Amino acid sequence: MALIGSDFCIDKWVSHIIDQSPYQVPTGGTASTAEGFVPQGYISQVVAAAACLDAGKRLCTDAEWLRACRGPDGWTYPYGDDYVSEACNDYREVHPVIEVCGEDSSCWSNLNDPALNQLPDGLEPSGTRELCVSAEGVFDLV
């Protein structure tokens, strides 16, 4: 974990759910974090909160997430104020939800759809992008 200022700690790497494939609908379990694991992407807040609670943790508040991402200097990106193409896994021609659901807005709230995690060039193991790290050593916050 990384200490953010003197206020709170945050895991250094994106979470995955123990013994569950990130390419299937998560059904609960315990969140864990380690470098090199494919994260549980596009997971609902309800399932994510339960997995964190099972691990003795909680989800960050919006303010905590932004502080961890922006660092002590309030940067725009975890790595600084200027955008660096391909520093993070954050660029797609079409957002994955639009790619899977099209314009069907009723589909957009179904973040547990495993199709979102199976798109080409989607998920990467945590810590893959060396430049996508905050001043306090937290990876993949974008």
N, C-alpha and C. Protein backbone atom coordinates (compact mmCIF):
# COMPACT_ATOMS: atom_id res chain seq x y z
N MET A 1 0.84 -1.18 0.00
CA MET A 1 0.00 0.00 0.00
C MET A 1 0.88 1.25 0.00
N ALA A 2 0.30 2.34 -0.46
CA ALA A 2 1.00 3.62 -0.47
C ALA A 2 0.28 4.60 0.44
N LEU A 3 1.05 5.30 1.25
CA LEU A 3 0.51 6.36 2.10
C LEU A 3 0.35 7.61 1.24
N ILE A 4 -0.85 8.16 1.23
CA ILE A 4 -1.14 9.35 0.44
C ILE A 4 -1.20 10.53 1.41
N GLY A 5 -0.18 11.38 1.29
CA GLY A 5 -0.04 12.46 2.27
C GLY A 5 0.08 11.85 3.65
N SER A 6 -0.66 12.36 4.58
CA SER A 6 -0.73 11.73 5.91
C SER A 6 -2.16 11.33 6.21
N ASP A 7 -2.98 11.26 5.14
CA ASP A 7 -4.42 11.09 5.32
C ASP A 7 -4.94 9.66 5.19
N PHE A 8 -4.45 8.91 4.21
CA PHE A 8 -5.01 7.58 3.96
C PHE A 8 -4.03 6.76 3.15
N CYS A 9 -4.30 5.47 3.06
CA CYS A 9 -3.51 4.56 2.24
C CYS A 9 -4.35 4.04 1.09
N ILE A 10 -3.69 3.69 0.01
CA ILE A 10 -4.37 3.12 -1.15
C ILE A 10 -3.48 2.00 -1.69
N ASP A 11 -4.11 0.96 -2.23
CA ASP A 11 -3.33 -0.12 -2.82
C ASP A 11 -2.50 0.42 -3.99
N LYS A 12 -1.31 -0.12 -4.18
CA LYS A 12 -0.43 0.34 -5.25
C LYS A 12 -0.87 -0.15 -6.62
N TRP A 13 -1.60 -1.26 -6.66
CA TRP A 13 -2.02 -1.83 -7.94
C TRP A 13 -3.53 -2.04 -7.95
N VAL A 14 -4.09 -2.06 -9.13
CA VAL A 14 -5.52 -2.28 -9.32
C VAL A 14 -5.90 -3.66 -8.78
N SER A 15 -7.08 -3.75 -8.22
CA SER A 15 -7.52 -5.01 -7.60
C SER A 15 -8.04 -6.03 -8.60
N HIS A 16 -7.92 -7.25 -8.18
CA HIS A 16 -8.57 -8.38 -8.87
C HIS A 16 -9.27 -9.19 -7.78
N ILE A 17 -10.19 -10.04 -8.17
CA ILE A 17 -10.89 -10.88 -7.19
C ILE A 17 -10.24 -12.26 -7.20
N ILE A 18 -9.83 -12.68 -6.05
CA ILE A 18 -9.13 -13.96 -5.90
C ILE A 18 -9.97 -15.10 -6.47
N ASP A 19 -9.33 -15.94 -7.25
CA ASP A 19 -9.93 -17.13 -7.83
C ASP A 19 -11.09 -16.86 -8.78
N GLN A 20 -11.15 -15.65 -9.35
CA GLN A 20 -12.17 -15.36 -10.37
C GLN A 20 -11.49 -14.73 -11.58
N SER A 21 -11.87 -15.19 -12.73
CA SER A 21 -11.32 -14.66 -13.97
C SER A 21 -11.86 -13.26 -14.22
N PRO A 22 -11.00 -12.32 -14.60
CA PRO A 22 -11.48 -10.99 -14.95
C PRO A 22 -12.28 -10.99 -16.25
N TYR A 23 -12.32 -12.12 -16.92
CA TYR A 23 -13.04 -12.22 -18.19
C TYR A 23 -14.41 -12.87 -18.03
N GLN A 24 -14.86 -13.02 -16.78
CA GLN A 24 -16.19 -13.55 -16.50
C GLN A 24 -16.90 -12.61 -15.54
N VAL A 25 -18.22 -12.74 -15.46
CA VAL A 25 -19.00 -11.90 -14.55
C VAL A 25 -18.58 -12.23 -13.11
N PRO A 26 -18.13 -11.23 -12.35
CA PRO A 26 -17.74 -11.49 -10.97
C PRO A 26 -18.96 -11.82 -10.11
N THR A 27 -18.80 -12.80 -9.26
CA THR A 27 -19.92 -13.24 -8.43
C THR A 27 -19.65 -13.03 -6.95
N GLY A 28 -18.67 -12.21 -6.64
CA GLY A 28 -18.31 -11.97 -5.25
C GLY A 28 -16.94 -12.54 -4.99
N GLY A 29 -16.52 -12.46 -3.76
CA GLY A 29 -15.21 -12.96 -3.40
C GLY A 29 -14.40 -11.90 -2.71
N THR A 30 -13.11 -12.12 -2.64
CA THR A 30 -12.21 -11.24 -1.91
C THR A 30 -11.29 -10.50 -2.87
N ALA A 31 -11.20 -9.19 -2.71
CA ALA A 31 -10.30 -8.39 -3.52
C ALA A 31 -8.87 -8.60 -3.05
N SER A 32 -7.96 -8.58 -4.00
CA SER A 32 -6.54 -8.65 -3.71
C SER A 32 -5.83 -7.75 -4.70
N THR A 33 -4.63 -7.39 -4.39
CA THR A 33 -3.89 -6.50 -5.27
C THR A 33 -2.43 -6.92 -5.31
N ALA A 34 -1.89 -6.96 -6.50
CA ALA A 34 -0.48 -7.30 -6.68
C ALA A 34 -0.09 -6.91 -8.10
N GLU A 35 1.16 -6.59 -8.27
CA GLU A 35 1.66 -6.26 -9.59
C GLU A 35 1.55 -7.47 -10.51
N GLY A 36 1.18 -7.22 -11.76
CA GLY A 36 1.17 -8.27 -12.76
C GLY A 36 -0.12 -9.06 -12.90
N PHE A 37 -1.15 -8.74 -12.12
CA PHE A 37 -2.42 -9.43 -12.26
C PHE A 37 -3.36 -8.62 -13.14
N VAL A 38 -4.16 -9.29 -13.95
CA VAL A 38 -5.16 -8.60 -14.76
C VAL A 38 -6.27 -8.17 -13.81
N PRO A 39 -6.60 -6.88 -13.80
CA PRO A 39 -7.61 -6.38 -12.86
C PRO A 39 -9.02 -6.80 -13.22
N GLN A 40 -9.89 -6.66 -12.27
CA GLN A 40 -11.31 -6.89 -12.47
C GLN A 40 -11.87 -5.59 -13.02
N GLY A 41 -11.83 -5.39 -14.33
CA GLY A 41 -12.30 -4.16 -14.94
C GLY A 41 -13.80 -4.17 -15.14
N TYR A 42 -14.38 -3.00 -15.21
CA TYR A 42 -15.82 -2.85 -15.44
C TYR A 42 -16.63 -3.71 -14.49
N ILE A 43 -16.40 -3.49 -13.24
CA ILE A 43 -17.09 -4.20 -12.17
C ILE A 43 -18.03 -3.21 -11.49
N SER A 44 -19.18 -3.65 -11.06
CA SER A 44 -20.12 -2.73 -10.42
C SER A 44 -19.61 -2.30 -9.05
N GLN A 45 -20.06 -1.14 -8.62
CA GLN A 45 -19.67 -0.63 -7.31
C GLN A 45 -20.13 -1.58 -6.21
N VAL A 46 -21.28 -2.19 -6.37
CA VAL A 46 -21.81 -3.11 -5.36
C VAL A 46 -20.89 -4.31 -5.19
N VAL A 47 -20.50 -4.94 -6.29
CA VAL A 47 -19.62 -6.11 -6.23
C VAL A 47 -18.22 -5.70 -5.75
N ALA A 48 -17.72 -4.57 -6.24
CA ALA A 48 -16.39 -4.10 -5.83
C ALA A 48 -16.35 -3.79 -4.33
N ALA A 49 -17.37 -3.12 -3.83
CA ALA A 49 -17.41 -2.77 -2.40
C ALA A 49 -17.46 -4.02 -1.54
N ALA A 50 -18.23 -5.02 -1.96
CA ALA A 50 -18.31 -6.26 -1.20
C ALA A 50 -16.99 -7.01 -1.20
N ALA A 51 -16.30 -7.02 -2.34
CA ALA A 51 -14.99 -7.70 -2.43
C ALA A 51 -13.95 -6.99 -1.57
N CYS A 52 -14.00 -5.66 -1.54
CA CYS A 52 -13.09 -4.90 -0.69
C CYS A 52 -13.39 -5.16 0.79
N LEU A 53 -14.65 -5.13 1.15
CA LEU A 53 -15.04 -5.38 2.53
C LEU A 53 -14.59 -6.77 2.99
N ASP A 54 -14.72 -7.75 2.11
CA ASP A 54 -14.29 -9.12 2.42
C ASP A 54 -12.78 -9.17 2.68
N ALA A 55 -12.04 -8.23 2.09
CA ALA A 55 -10.59 -8.16 2.28
C ALA A 55 -10.21 -7.23 3.44
N GLY A 56 -11.22 -6.69 4.13
CA GLY A 56 -10.95 -5.78 5.24
C GLY A 56 -10.62 -4.37 4.79
N LYS A 57 -11.07 -4.00 3.59
CA LYS A 57 -10.79 -2.69 3.04
C LYS A 57 -12.09 -2.03 2.61
N ARG A 58 -11.98 -0.90 1.96
CA ARG A 58 -13.14 -0.20 1.42
C ARG A 58 -12.74 0.49 0.12
N LEU A 59 -13.75 0.88 -0.65
CA LEU A 59 -13.48 1.66 -1.85
C LEU A 59 -13.06 3.07 -1.45
N CYS A 60 -12.24 3.70 -2.25
CA CYS A 60 -11.86 5.10 -2.02
C CYS A 60 -13.06 6.00 -2.26
N THR A 61 -13.07 7.14 -1.59
CA THR A 61 -14.04 8.17 -1.94
C THR A 61 -13.55 8.84 -3.23
N ASP A 62 -14.41 9.61 -3.86
CA ASP A 62 -13.99 10.35 -5.06
C ASP A 62 -12.80 11.25 -4.75
N ALA A 63 -12.88 11.96 -3.62
CA ALA A 63 -11.80 12.89 -3.25
C ALA A 63 -10.49 12.14 -3.02
N GLU A 64 -10.54 10.99 -2.39
CA GLU A 64 -9.33 10.19 -2.15
C GLU A 64 -8.73 9.71 -3.47
N TRP A 65 -9.58 9.23 -4.36
CA TRP A 65 -9.10 8.74 -5.65
C TRP A 65 -8.39 9.87 -6.42
N LEU A 66 -9.04 11.02 -6.48
CA LEU A 66 -8.45 12.16 -7.20
C LEU A 66 -7.15 12.60 -6.56
N ARG A 67 -7.09 12.64 -5.24
CA ARG A 67 -5.85 13.04 -4.55
C ARG A 67 -4.73 12.05 -4.85
N ALA A 68 -5.05 10.76 -4.81
CA ALA A 68 -4.04 9.73 -5.09
C ALA A 68 -3.57 9.84 -6.54
N CYS A 69 -4.47 10.10 -7.45
CA CYS A 69 -4.13 10.20 -8.86
C CYS A 69 -3.32 11.45 -9.15
N ARG A 70 -3.73 12.56 -8.62
CA ARG A 70 -3.09 13.85 -8.94
C ARG A 70 -1.80 14.11 -8.18
N GLY A 71 -1.59 13.37 -7.09
CA GLY A 71 -0.38 13.56 -6.31
C GLY A 71 -0.41 14.83 -5.47
N PRO A 72 0.64 15.07 -4.71
CA PRO A 72 0.68 16.22 -3.80
C PRO A 72 0.69 17.57 -4.53
N ASP A 73 1.08 17.57 -5.80
CA ASP A 73 1.13 18.82 -6.56
C ASP A 73 -0.12 19.08 -7.39
N GLY A 74 -1.11 18.18 -7.32
CA GLY A 74 -2.37 18.39 -8.03
C GLY A 74 -2.27 18.30 -9.54
N TRP A 75 -1.38 17.44 -10.03
CA TRP A 75 -1.20 17.28 -11.47
C TRP A 75 -2.50 16.86 -12.16
N THR A 76 -2.56 17.07 -13.45
CA THR A 76 -3.70 16.65 -14.26
C THR A 76 -3.71 15.13 -14.44
N TYR A 77 -2.52 14.56 -14.60
CA TYR A 77 -2.36 13.11 -14.79
C TYR A 77 -1.46 12.58 -13.68
N PRO A 78 -1.46 11.30 -13.43
CA PRO A 78 -0.61 10.78 -12.34
C PRO A 78 0.88 11.11 -12.54
N TYR A 79 1.30 11.24 -13.78
CA TYR A 79 2.71 11.44 -14.10
C TYR A 79 3.07 12.91 -14.37
N GLY A 80 2.11 13.83 -14.33
CA GLY A 80 2.40 15.24 -14.56
C GLY A 80 1.23 15.98 -15.19
N ASP A 81 1.46 17.21 -15.59
CA ASP A 81 0.39 18.03 -16.17
C ASP A 81 0.22 17.85 -17.67
N ASP A 82 1.25 17.38 -18.34
CA ASP A 82 1.17 17.22 -19.79
C ASP A 82 0.85 15.77 -20.16
N TYR A 83 -0.14 15.60 -21.03
CA TYR A 83 -0.55 14.26 -21.46
C TYR A 83 0.58 13.58 -22.23
N VAL A 84 0.84 12.33 -21.89
CA VAL A 84 1.84 11.53 -22.58
C VAL A 84 1.11 10.35 -23.23
N SER A 85 1.05 10.36 -24.55
CA SER A 85 0.37 9.30 -25.28
C SER A 85 0.96 7.93 -24.91
N GLU A 86 0.10 7.01 -24.60
CA GLU A 86 0.44 5.62 -24.28
C GLU A 86 1.17 5.44 -22.95
N ALA A 87 1.25 6.50 -22.14
CA ALA A 87 1.82 6.33 -20.80
C ALA A 87 0.92 5.41 -19.98
N CYS A 88 -0.38 5.56 -20.16
CA CYS A 88 -1.38 4.73 -19.47
C CYS A 88 -2.26 4.05 -20.50
N ASN A 89 -2.95 3.05 -20.10
CA ASN A 89 -3.88 2.33 -20.97
C ASN A 89 -5.22 3.06 -20.96
N ASP A 90 -5.24 4.26 -21.56
CA ASP A 90 -6.43 5.11 -21.43
C ASP A 90 -6.96 5.66 -22.75
N TYR A 91 -6.52 5.10 -23.85
CA TYR A 91 -7.00 5.63 -25.12
C TYR A 91 -7.62 4.54 -25.96
N ARG A 92 -8.81 4.81 -26.44
CA ARG A 92 -9.51 3.94 -27.39
C ARG A 92 -10.27 4.85 -28.34
N GLU A 93 -10.37 4.43 -29.59
CA GLU A 93 -11.17 5.19 -30.56
C GLU A 93 -12.62 5.29 -30.09
N VAL A 94 -13.14 4.16 -29.56
CA VAL A 94 -14.52 4.08 -29.10
C VAL A 94 -14.49 3.53 -27.67
N HIS A 95 -15.24 4.17 -26.77
CA HIS A 95 -15.30 3.68 -25.38
C HIS A 95 -15.82 2.24 -25.38
N PRO A 96 -15.26 1.37 -24.54
CA PRO A 96 -15.68 -0.04 -24.51
C PRO A 96 -17.18 -0.25 -24.32
N VAL A 97 -17.83 0.57 -23.49
CA VAL A 97 -19.27 0.40 -23.28
C VAL A 97 -20.03 0.66 -24.58
N ILE A 98 -19.63 1.67 -25.34
CA ILE A 98 -20.27 1.96 -26.63
C ILE A 98 -19.96 0.84 -27.61
N GLU A 99 -18.74 0.31 -27.57
CA GLU A 99 -18.35 -0.76 -28.47
C GLU A 99 -19.20 -2.01 -28.24
N VAL A 100 -19.50 -2.32 -26.99
CA VAL A 100 -20.30 -3.52 -26.67
C VAL A 100 -21.80 -3.25 -26.78
N CYS A 101 -22.25 -2.10 -26.29
CA CYS A 101 -23.69 -1.83 -26.20
C CYS A 101 -24.24 -0.99 -27.34
N GLY A 102 -23.37 -0.30 -28.07
CA GLY A 102 -23.87 0.63 -29.07
C GLY A 102 -24.55 1.80 -28.38
N GLU A 103 -25.62 2.25 -28.93
CA GLU A 103 -26.34 3.39 -28.36
C GLU A 103 -27.45 2.96 -27.42
N ASP A 104 -27.52 1.68 -27.07
CA ASP A 104 -28.54 1.17 -26.15
C ASP A 104 -28.17 1.56 -24.73
N SER A 105 -28.71 2.69 -24.26
CA SER A 105 -28.33 3.21 -22.95
C SER A 105 -28.77 2.31 -21.80
N SER A 106 -29.72 1.41 -22.02
CA SER A 106 -30.12 0.49 -20.94
C SER A 106 -28.99 -0.49 -20.63
N CYS A 107 -28.13 -0.72 -21.56
CA CYS A 107 -26.99 -1.62 -21.40
C CYS A 107 -25.85 -0.97 -20.62
N TRP A 108 -25.76 0.37 -20.66
CA TRP A 108 -24.61 1.08 -20.10
C TRP A 108 -24.45 0.88 -18.61
N SER A 109 -25.52 0.57 -17.90
CA SER A 109 -25.42 0.41 -16.45
C SER A 109 -24.99 -1.01 -16.05
N ASN A 110 -24.84 -1.90 -17.03
CA ASN A 110 -24.45 -3.28 -16.72
C ASN A 110 -22.93 -3.42 -16.79
N LEU A 111 -22.25 -2.91 -15.77
CA LEU A 111 -20.79 -2.93 -15.78
C LEU A 111 -20.21 -4.29 -15.44
N ASN A 112 -21.03 -5.26 -15.13
CA ASN A 112 -20.52 -6.60 -14.87
C ASN A 112 -20.51 -7.46 -16.13
N ASP A 113 -20.67 -6.84 -17.29
CA ASP A 113 -20.69 -7.58 -18.54
C ASP A 113 -19.26 -8.00 -18.89
N PRO A 114 -18.95 -9.30 -18.91
CA PRO A 114 -17.59 -9.74 -19.17
C PRO A 114 -17.11 -9.41 -20.59
N ALA A 115 -18.02 -9.09 -21.49
CA ALA A 115 -17.61 -8.71 -22.84
C ALA A 115 -16.74 -7.46 -22.82
N LEU A 116 -16.96 -6.58 -21.85
CA LEU A 116 -16.17 -5.36 -21.74
C LEU A 116 -14.70 -5.67 -21.48
N ASN A 117 -14.43 -6.71 -20.74
CA ASN A 117 -13.05 -7.09 -20.40
C ASN A 117 -12.39 -7.92 -21.49
N GLN A 118 -13.15 -8.34 -22.48
CA GLN A 118 -12.61 -9.22 -23.51
C GLN A 118 -12.31 -8.50 -24.81
N LEU A 119 -12.47 -7.21 -24.85
CA LEU A 119 -12.18 -6.46 -26.07
C LEU A 119 -10.68 -6.45 -26.33
N PRO A 120 -10.28 -6.51 -27.59
CA PRO A 120 -8.86 -6.45 -27.91
C PRO A 120 -8.21 -5.18 -27.35
N ASP A 121 -7.00 -5.32 -26.89
CA ASP A 121 -6.24 -4.19 -26.34
C ASP A 121 -6.97 -3.52 -25.17
N GLY A 122 -7.68 -4.31 -24.38
CA GLY A 122 -8.42 -3.77 -23.24
C GLY A 122 -7.60 -3.81 -21.96
N LEU A 123 -7.83 -4.82 -21.18
CA LEU A 123 -7.14 -4.93 -19.89
C LEU A 123 -5.68 -5.32 -20.06
N GLU A 124 -4.87 -4.80 -19.18
CA GLU A 124 -3.46 -5.16 -19.10
C GLU A 124 -3.14 -5.53 -17.66
N PRO A 125 -2.16 -6.37 -17.44
CA PRO A 125 -1.76 -6.66 -16.06
C PRO A 125 -1.36 -5.37 -15.34
N SER A 126 -1.69 -5.28 -14.07
CA SER A 126 -1.38 -4.08 -13.29
C SER A 126 0.11 -3.80 -13.28
N GLY A 127 0.45 -2.53 -13.42
CA GLY A 127 1.84 -2.12 -13.42
C GLY A 127 2.56 -2.26 -14.75
N THR A 128 1.83 -2.66 -15.81
CA THR A 128 2.45 -2.86 -17.12
C THR A 128 3.07 -1.58 -17.66
N ARG A 129 2.37 -0.49 -17.51
CA ARG A 129 2.84 0.80 -18.05
C ARG A 129 3.66 1.53 -16.99
N GLU A 130 4.96 1.51 -17.14
CA GLU A 130 5.88 2.08 -16.16
C GLU A 130 5.64 3.57 -15.90
N LEU A 131 5.17 4.29 -16.90
CA LEU A 131 4.96 5.73 -16.74
C LEU A 131 3.63 6.06 -16.07
N CYS A 132 2.75 5.09 -15.98
CA CYS A 132 1.41 5.33 -15.43
C CYS A 132 1.44 5.11 -13.91
N VAL A 133 2.21 5.96 -13.25
CA VAL A 133 2.39 5.84 -11.81
C VAL A 133 2.36 7.23 -11.19
N SER A 134 1.75 7.33 -10.05
CA SER A 134 1.64 8.62 -9.36
C SER A 134 2.93 8.94 -8.62
N ALA A 135 3.01 10.16 -8.13
CA ALA A 135 4.18 10.60 -7.36
C ALA A 135 4.41 9.72 -6.13
N GLU A 136 3.35 9.12 -5.63
CA GLU A 136 3.46 8.29 -4.42
C GLU A 136 3.52 6.80 -4.72
N GLY A 137 3.72 6.46 -6.01
CA GLY A 137 3.95 5.07 -6.37
C GLY A 137 2.72 4.22 -6.58
N VAL A 138 1.59 4.83 -6.96
CA VAL A 138 0.36 4.09 -7.22
C VAL A 138 0.19 4.00 -8.74
N PHE A 139 -0.03 2.78 -9.23
CA PHE A 139 -0.13 2.52 -10.67
C PHE A 139 -1.57 2.52 -11.16
N ASP A 140 -1.73 2.87 -12.43
CA ASP A 140 -2.97 2.65 -13.19
C ASP A 140 -4.19 3.38 -12.64
N LEU A 141 -4.01 4.58 -12.12
CA LEU A 141 -5.15 5.33 -11.59
C LEU A 141 -5.98 6.02 -12.66
N VAL A 142 -5.49 6.09 -13.88
CA VAL A 142 -6.23 6.78 -14.95
C VAL A 142 -7.43 5.94 -15.35
